């Protein structure tokens, strides 16, 4: 790169963001160019000035973890666990006796909120993951 270009680059590095924006506007006016990026028309997806959009997917499947069962609420929670899981008495008792334990996996947000309300109404605590 020539000394002239190196000098220009060094000067550009010292510009504030406002000054850089004003410079771009002036270059557009003087040279009659459009510096806005049009990804669809240019096809250049690696342009350094192209906006980067990160897509964050909303979680749709949740796991319900039974995390606390007070001794005086064990029977009421056991009944709710049986209803929720569809398991027998022995299997449900094993869950309630061995906390923390996963009650259900891969449920919807609405279903997980409903389960949480049922368990909490019976006196237990759940964690939604």
N, C-alpha and C. Protein backbone atom coordinates (compact mmCIF):
# COMPACT_ATOMS: atom_id res chain seq x y z
N UNK A 1 0.85 -1.16 0.00
CA UNK A 1 0.00 0.00 0.00
C UNK A 1 0.91 1.24 0.00
N UNK A 2 0.48 2.26 -0.73
CA UNK A 2 1.28 3.48 -0.84
C UNK A 2 1.24 4.28 0.46
N UNK A 3 2.21 5.18 0.60
CA UNK A 3 2.28 6.04 1.79
C UNK A 3 1.04 6.91 1.90
N UNK A 4 0.51 7.34 0.77
CA UNK A 4 -0.67 8.19 0.76
C UNK A 4 -1.87 7.44 1.36
N UNK A 5 -2.07 6.18 0.93
CA UNK A 5 -3.18 5.38 1.44
C UNK A 5 -2.98 5.05 2.92
N UNK A 6 -1.76 4.75 3.30
CA UNK A 6 -1.46 4.45 4.70
C UNK A 6 -1.79 5.65 5.57
N UNK A 7 -1.45 6.85 5.10
CA UNK A 7 -1.73 8.08 5.83
C UNK A 7 -3.23 8.30 5.98
N UNK A 8 -3.97 8.05 4.90
CA UNK A 8 -5.43 8.21 4.96
C UNK A 8 -6.03 7.22 5.96
N UNK A 9 -5.59 5.98 5.92
CA UNK A 9 -6.09 4.95 6.83
C UNK A 9 -5.83 5.36 8.28
N UNK A 10 -4.65 5.85 8.57
CA UNK A 10 -4.31 6.27 9.93
C UNK A 10 -5.19 7.43 10.38
N UNK A 11 -5.50 8.34 9.47
CA UNK A 11 -6.39 9.46 9.81
C UNK A 11 -7.81 8.96 10.07
N UNK A 12 -8.27 7.98 9.28
CA UNK A 12 -9.60 7.43 9.45
C UNK A 12 -9.75 6.76 10.82
N UNK A 13 -8.70 6.14 11.29
CA UNK A 13 -8.74 5.46 12.58
C UNK A 13 -9.00 6.42 13.73
N UNK A 14 -8.67 7.68 13.57
CA UNK A 14 -8.83 8.66 14.64
C UNK A 14 -10.20 9.34 14.63
N UNK A 15 -11.03 9.07 13.62
CA UNK A 15 -12.34 9.72 13.52
C UNK A 15 -13.30 9.20 14.58
N UNK A 16 -14.15 10.10 15.05
CA UNK A 16 -15.23 9.67 15.93
C UNK A 16 -16.32 9.07 15.05
N UNK A 17 -17.30 8.44 15.67
CA UNK A 17 -18.40 7.83 14.92
C UNK A 17 -19.19 8.89 14.16
N UNK A 18 -19.41 10.03 14.77
CA UNK A 18 -20.14 11.12 14.12
C UNK A 18 -19.36 11.64 12.91
N UNK A 19 -18.04 11.81 13.09
CA UNK A 19 -17.20 12.28 11.99
C UNK A 19 -17.18 11.27 10.85
N UNK A 20 -17.16 9.98 11.18
CA UNK A 20 -17.15 8.94 10.15
C UNK A 20 -18.45 8.95 9.37
N UNK A 21 -19.57 9.15 10.06
CA UNK A 21 -20.87 9.22 9.39
C UNK A 21 -20.93 10.43 8.46
N UNK A 22 -20.39 11.56 8.92
CA UNK A 22 -20.37 12.76 8.09
C UNK A 22 -19.48 12.54 6.86
N UNK A 23 -18.37 11.84 7.04
CA UNK A 23 -17.47 11.54 5.92
C UNK A 23 -18.17 10.68 4.87
N UNK A 24 -18.89 9.67 5.31
CA UNK A 24 -19.61 8.80 4.38
C UNK A 24 -20.63 9.61 3.59
N UNK A 25 -21.37 10.48 4.29
CA UNK A 25 -22.37 11.33 3.64
C UNK A 25 -21.71 12.22 2.59
N UNK A 26 -20.58 12.80 2.94
CA UNK A 26 -19.86 13.68 2.01
C UNK A 26 -19.35 12.91 0.79
N UNK A 27 -18.84 11.70 1.01
CA UNK A 27 -18.37 10.87 -0.11
C UNK A 27 -19.52 10.54 -1.05
N UNK A 28 -20.70 10.24 -0.48
CA UNK A 28 -21.88 9.96 -1.30
C UNK A 28 -22.23 11.18 -2.16
N UNK A 29 -22.21 12.37 -1.54
CA UNK A 29 -22.57 13.60 -2.26
C UNK A 29 -21.56 13.95 -3.35
N UNK A 30 -20.28 13.89 -3.01
CA UNK A 30 -19.24 14.32 -3.94
C UNK A 30 -19.10 13.36 -5.11
N UNK A 31 -19.14 12.06 -4.84
CA UNK A 31 -18.89 11.09 -5.90
C UNK A 31 -20.16 10.48 -6.49
N UNK A 32 -21.32 10.84 -5.92
CA UNK A 32 -22.58 10.34 -6.46
C UNK A 32 -22.75 8.83 -6.31
N UNK A 33 -22.32 8.31 -5.17
CA UNK A 33 -22.44 6.87 -4.93
C UNK A 33 -23.40 6.63 -3.77
N UNK A 34 -23.88 5.40 -3.69
CA UNK A 34 -24.76 5.00 -2.58
C UNK A 34 -24.02 3.96 -1.76
N UNK A 35 -23.74 4.28 -0.51
CA UNK A 35 -22.96 3.36 0.32
C UNK A 35 -23.84 2.45 1.17
N UNK A 36 -25.15 2.58 1.04
CA UNK A 36 -26.02 1.68 1.80
C UNK A 36 -25.90 0.27 1.24
N UNK A 37 -26.01 -0.70 2.11
CA UNK A 37 -25.81 -2.09 1.72
C UNK A 37 -27.16 -2.70 1.39
N UNK A 38 -27.22 -3.33 0.24
CA UNK A 38 -28.41 -4.07 -0.15
C UNK A 38 -27.98 -5.50 -0.37
N UNK A 39 -28.18 -6.34 0.63
CA UNK A 39 -27.73 -7.72 0.58
C UNK A 39 -28.42 -8.47 -0.55
N UNK A 40 -29.70 -8.21 -0.76
CA UNK A 40 -30.44 -8.93 -1.80
C UNK A 40 -29.90 -8.62 -3.18
N UNK A 41 -29.55 -7.36 -3.43
CA UNK A 41 -29.10 -7.01 -4.78
C UNK A 41 -27.63 -7.31 -4.99
N UNK A 42 -26.82 -7.17 -3.93
CA UNK A 42 -25.39 -7.39 -4.12
C UNK A 42 -25.01 -8.86 -4.00
N UNK A 43 -25.77 -9.60 -3.20
CA UNK A 43 -25.44 -11.01 -3.00
C UNK A 43 -24.22 -11.20 -2.14
N UNK A 44 -23.68 -10.12 -1.60
CA UNK A 44 -22.47 -10.19 -0.78
C UNK A 44 -22.87 -10.31 0.69
N UNK A 45 -22.85 -11.52 1.20
CA UNK A 45 -23.28 -11.75 2.56
C UNK A 45 -22.14 -11.57 3.56
N UNK A 46 -20.94 -11.35 3.10
CA UNK A 46 -19.82 -11.19 4.02
C UNK A 46 -19.36 -9.75 4.11
N UNK A 47 -20.16 -8.81 3.65
CA UNK A 47 -19.82 -7.40 3.69
C UNK A 47 -19.60 -6.96 5.13
N UNK A 48 -18.53 -6.22 5.42
CA UNK A 48 -18.26 -5.82 6.79
C UNK A 48 -19.27 -4.81 7.34
N UNK A 49 -20.04 -4.17 6.47
CA UNK A 49 -21.02 -3.21 6.95
C UNK A 49 -22.43 -3.77 6.96
N UNK A 50 -22.58 -5.02 6.54
CA UNK A 50 -23.90 -5.63 6.55
C UNK A 50 -24.32 -5.89 8.00
N UNK A 51 -25.57 -5.63 8.32
CA UNK A 51 -26.01 -5.86 9.70
C UNK A 51 -25.99 -7.34 10.03
N UNK A 52 -25.61 -7.63 11.22
CA UNK A 52 -25.57 -9.01 11.69
C UNK A 52 -26.81 -9.23 12.55
N UNK A 53 -27.61 -10.20 12.16
CA UNK A 53 -28.83 -10.50 12.88
C UNK A 53 -28.71 -11.89 13.45
N UNK A 54 -28.79 -11.98 14.77
CA UNK A 54 -28.72 -13.28 15.42
C UNK A 54 -30.13 -13.71 15.78
N UNK A 55 -30.52 -14.86 15.30
CA UNK A 55 -31.85 -15.36 15.57
C UNK A 55 -31.80 -16.18 16.84
N UNK A 56 -32.60 -15.77 17.81
CA UNK A 56 -32.68 -16.50 19.08
C UNK A 56 -34.02 -17.21 19.09
N UNK A 57 -33.95 -18.53 19.10
CA UNK A 57 -35.17 -19.31 19.09
C UNK A 57 -35.74 -19.41 20.50
N UNK A 58 -37.03 -19.24 20.59
CA UNK A 58 -37.70 -19.35 21.88
C UNK A 58 -37.83 -20.82 22.24
N UNK A 59 -37.54 -21.12 23.48
CA UNK A 59 -37.62 -22.49 23.95
C UNK A 59 -39.07 -22.94 23.94
N UNK A 60 -39.33 -24.13 23.41
CA UNK A 60 -40.70 -24.62 23.31
C UNK A 60 -40.94 -25.89 24.12
N UNK A 61 -39.89 -26.54 24.57
CA UNK A 61 -40.03 -27.77 25.36
C UNK A 61 -39.35 -27.57 26.71
N UNK A 62 -40.07 -27.92 27.76
CA UNK A 62 -39.56 -27.70 29.11
C UNK A 62 -39.60 -28.99 29.91
N UNK A 63 -38.69 -29.09 30.88
CA UNK A 63 -38.66 -30.21 31.80
C UNK A 63 -39.13 -29.70 33.17
N UNK A 64 -39.95 -30.50 33.84
CA UNK A 64 -40.47 -30.14 35.15
C UNK A 64 -39.73 -30.97 36.20
N UNK A 65 -39.05 -30.29 37.12
CA UNK A 65 -38.25 -30.93 38.15
C UNK A 65 -38.91 -30.69 39.51
N UNK A 66 -39.32 -31.76 40.17
CA UNK A 66 -39.86 -31.65 41.52
C UNK A 66 -38.68 -31.41 42.45
N UNK A 67 -38.66 -30.23 43.10
CA UNK A 67 -37.48 -29.86 43.86
C UNK A 67 -37.67 -29.82 45.37
N UNK A 68 -38.92 -29.73 45.85
CA UNK A 68 -39.13 -29.68 47.30
C UNK A 68 -40.49 -30.28 47.65
N UNK A 69 -40.46 -31.17 48.65
CA UNK A 69 -41.68 -31.79 49.14
C UNK A 69 -41.65 -31.73 50.67
N UNK A 70 -42.41 -30.81 51.26
CA UNK A 70 -42.46 -30.77 52.73
C UNK A 70 -43.11 -32.06 53.26
N UNK A 71 -42.61 -32.55 54.36
CA UNK A 71 -43.09 -33.83 54.92
C UNK A 71 -44.59 -33.82 55.18
N UNK A 72 -45.13 -32.71 55.64
CA UNK A 72 -46.55 -32.65 55.96
C UNK A 72 -47.44 -32.54 54.72
N UNK A 73 -46.86 -32.31 53.55
CA UNK A 73 -47.61 -32.19 52.30
C UNK A 73 -47.37 -33.36 51.34
N UNK A 74 -46.66 -34.37 51.82
CA UNK A 74 -46.22 -35.47 50.96
C UNK A 74 -47.39 -36.21 50.29
N UNK A 75 -48.44 -36.49 51.02
CA UNK A 75 -49.56 -37.26 50.46
C UNK A 75 -50.29 -36.45 49.38
N UNK A 76 -50.52 -35.16 49.65
CA UNK A 76 -51.19 -34.31 48.66
C UNK A 76 -50.36 -34.19 47.39
N UNK A 77 -49.06 -34.03 47.54
CA UNK A 77 -48.17 -33.92 46.38
C UNK A 77 -48.10 -35.25 45.65
N UNK A 78 -48.10 -36.36 46.37
CA UNK A 78 -48.09 -37.69 45.77
C UNK A 78 -49.30 -37.88 44.85
N UNK A 79 -50.47 -37.43 45.30
CA UNK A 79 -51.68 -37.55 44.49
C UNK A 79 -51.56 -36.73 43.20
N UNK A 80 -51.01 -35.53 43.31
CA UNK A 80 -50.84 -34.68 42.13
C UNK A 80 -49.82 -35.30 41.17
N UNK A 81 -48.73 -35.84 41.71
CA UNK A 81 -47.71 -36.48 40.88
C UNK A 81 -48.31 -37.66 40.12
N UNK A 82 -49.13 -38.44 40.77
CA UNK A 82 -49.79 -39.57 40.09
C UNK A 82 -50.66 -39.08 38.94
N UNK A 83 -51.41 -38.01 39.19
CA UNK A 83 -52.29 -37.45 38.16
C UNK A 83 -51.49 -36.93 36.97
N UNK A 84 -50.44 -36.21 37.27
CA UNK A 84 -49.62 -35.58 36.22
C UNK A 84 -48.88 -36.62 35.39
N UNK A 85 -48.26 -37.59 36.05
CA UNK A 85 -47.40 -38.55 35.34
C UNK A 85 -48.14 -39.76 34.82
N UNK A 86 -49.27 -40.09 35.44
CA UNK A 86 -49.99 -41.30 35.05
C UNK A 86 -49.33 -42.56 35.58
N UNK A 87 -48.41 -42.41 36.51
CA UNK A 87 -47.70 -43.55 37.09
C UNK A 87 -48.51 -44.16 38.23
N UNK A 88 -48.11 -45.33 38.63
CA UNK A 88 -48.75 -46.00 39.75
C UNK A 88 -48.29 -45.41 41.07
N UNK A 89 -48.86 -45.93 42.15
CA UNK A 89 -48.57 -45.43 43.48
C UNK A 89 -47.09 -45.59 43.85
N UNK A 90 -46.54 -46.77 43.59
CA UNK A 90 -45.14 -47.04 43.95
C UNK A 90 -44.17 -46.12 43.20
N UNK A 91 -44.37 -45.98 41.87
CA UNK A 91 -43.48 -45.15 41.07
C UNK A 91 -43.59 -43.68 41.46
N UNK A 92 -44.81 -43.23 41.73
CA UNK A 92 -45.01 -41.84 42.15
C UNK A 92 -44.38 -41.59 43.50
N UNK A 93 -44.50 -42.58 44.42
CA UNK A 93 -43.89 -42.45 45.73
C UNK A 93 -42.37 -42.37 45.61
N UNK A 94 -41.78 -43.14 44.69
CA UNK A 94 -40.34 -43.09 44.47
C UNK A 94 -39.90 -41.69 44.02
N UNK A 95 -40.69 -41.06 43.18
CA UNK A 95 -40.37 -39.70 42.73
C UNK A 95 -40.41 -38.74 43.90
N UNK A 96 -41.49 -38.78 44.67
CA UNK A 96 -41.68 -37.86 45.80
C UNK A 96 -40.62 -38.08 46.88
N UNK A 97 -40.22 -39.33 47.10
CA UNK A 97 -39.23 -39.63 48.13
C UNK A 97 -37.80 -39.32 47.71
N UNK A 98 -37.53 -39.22 46.43
CA UNK A 98 -36.16 -39.05 45.93
C UNK A 98 -36.00 -37.75 45.16
N UNK A 99 -36.33 -36.64 45.79
CA UNK A 99 -36.19 -35.34 45.12
C UNK A 99 -34.76 -34.88 45.19
N UNK A 100 -34.30 -34.07 44.29
CA UNK A 100 -34.98 -33.55 43.09
C UNK A 100 -35.12 -34.65 42.03
N UNK A 101 -36.25 -34.65 41.39
CA UNK A 101 -36.57 -35.67 40.39
C UNK A 101 -37.39 -35.04 39.27
N UNK A 102 -37.14 -35.45 38.04
CA UNK A 102 -37.89 -34.93 36.91
C UNK A 102 -39.27 -35.59 36.87
N UNK A 103 -40.31 -34.76 36.83
CA UNK A 103 -41.68 -35.25 36.73
C UNK A 103 -42.05 -35.53 35.29
N UNK A 104 -41.79 -34.57 34.43
CA UNK A 104 -42.14 -34.69 33.01
C UNK A 104 -41.09 -33.98 32.18
N UNK A 105 -40.86 -34.50 30.98
CA UNK A 105 -39.88 -33.91 30.07
C UNK A 105 -40.56 -33.49 28.78
N UNK A 106 -40.07 -32.40 28.19
CA UNK A 106 -40.51 -31.97 26.87
C UNK A 106 -41.94 -31.48 26.81
N UNK A 107 -42.42 -30.83 27.88
CA UNK A 107 -43.79 -30.32 27.87
C UNK A 107 -43.81 -28.87 27.37
N UNK A 108 -44.99 -28.44 26.95
CA UNK A 108 -45.13 -27.06 26.46
C UNK A 108 -45.07 -26.09 27.63
N UNK A 109 -44.92 -24.82 27.29
CA UNK A 109 -44.86 -23.78 28.32
C UNK A 109 -46.16 -23.73 29.12
N UNK A 110 -47.29 -23.81 28.41
CA UNK A 110 -48.59 -23.75 29.09
C UNK A 110 -48.76 -24.94 30.05
N UNK A 111 -48.40 -26.12 29.56
CA UNK A 111 -48.53 -27.32 30.39
C UNK A 111 -47.60 -27.25 31.60
N UNK A 112 -46.38 -26.74 31.39
CA UNK A 112 -45.43 -26.65 32.50
C UNK A 112 -45.93 -25.67 33.56
N UNK A 113 -46.54 -24.57 33.13
CA UNK A 113 -47.09 -23.61 34.09
C UNK A 113 -48.24 -24.23 34.87
N UNK A 114 -49.07 -25.01 34.18
CA UNK A 114 -50.19 -25.69 34.84
C UNK A 114 -49.71 -26.69 35.89
N UNK A 115 -48.69 -27.46 35.53
CA UNK A 115 -48.12 -28.44 36.47
C UNK A 115 -47.54 -27.72 37.67
N UNK A 116 -46.84 -26.64 37.41
CA UNK A 116 -46.23 -25.87 38.51
C UNK A 116 -47.31 -25.39 39.48
N UNK A 117 -48.41 -24.88 38.95
CA UNK A 117 -49.50 -24.39 39.80
C UNK A 117 -50.10 -25.53 40.63
N UNK A 118 -50.29 -26.70 40.01
CA UNK A 118 -50.85 -27.84 40.73
C UNK A 118 -49.96 -28.28 41.88
N UNK A 119 -48.67 -28.41 41.62
CA UNK A 119 -47.72 -28.85 42.64
C UNK A 119 -47.63 -27.81 43.76
N UNK A 120 -47.57 -26.54 43.39
CA UNK A 120 -47.47 -25.50 44.40
C UNK A 120 -48.75 -25.40 45.23
N UNK A 121 -49.90 -25.66 44.61
CA UNK A 121 -51.17 -25.66 45.36
C UNK A 121 -51.19 -26.79 46.38
N UNK A 122 -50.50 -27.88 46.07
CA UNK A 122 -50.43 -29.02 46.99
C UNK A 122 -49.36 -28.81 48.05
N UNK A 123 -48.52 -27.78 47.89
CA UNK A 123 -47.50 -27.48 48.90
C UNK A 123 -46.08 -27.77 48.49
N UNK A 124 -45.86 -28.26 47.27
CA UNK A 124 -44.50 -28.57 46.82
C UNK A 124 -43.92 -27.46 45.98
N UNK A 125 -42.70 -27.69 45.55
CA UNK A 125 -42.02 -26.71 44.69
C UNK A 125 -41.44 -27.44 43.48
N UNK A 126 -41.54 -26.78 42.32
CA UNK A 126 -40.97 -27.33 41.10
C UNK A 126 -40.08 -26.28 40.44
N UNK A 127 -39.18 -26.79 39.62
CA UNK A 127 -38.32 -25.94 38.81
C UNK A 127 -38.59 -26.28 37.36
N UNK A 128 -38.78 -25.27 36.54
CA UNK A 128 -39.01 -25.48 35.12
C UNK A 128 -37.70 -25.20 34.41
N UNK A 129 -37.23 -26.19 33.66
CA UNK A 129 -35.96 -26.05 32.94
C UNK A 129 -36.20 -26.13 31.46
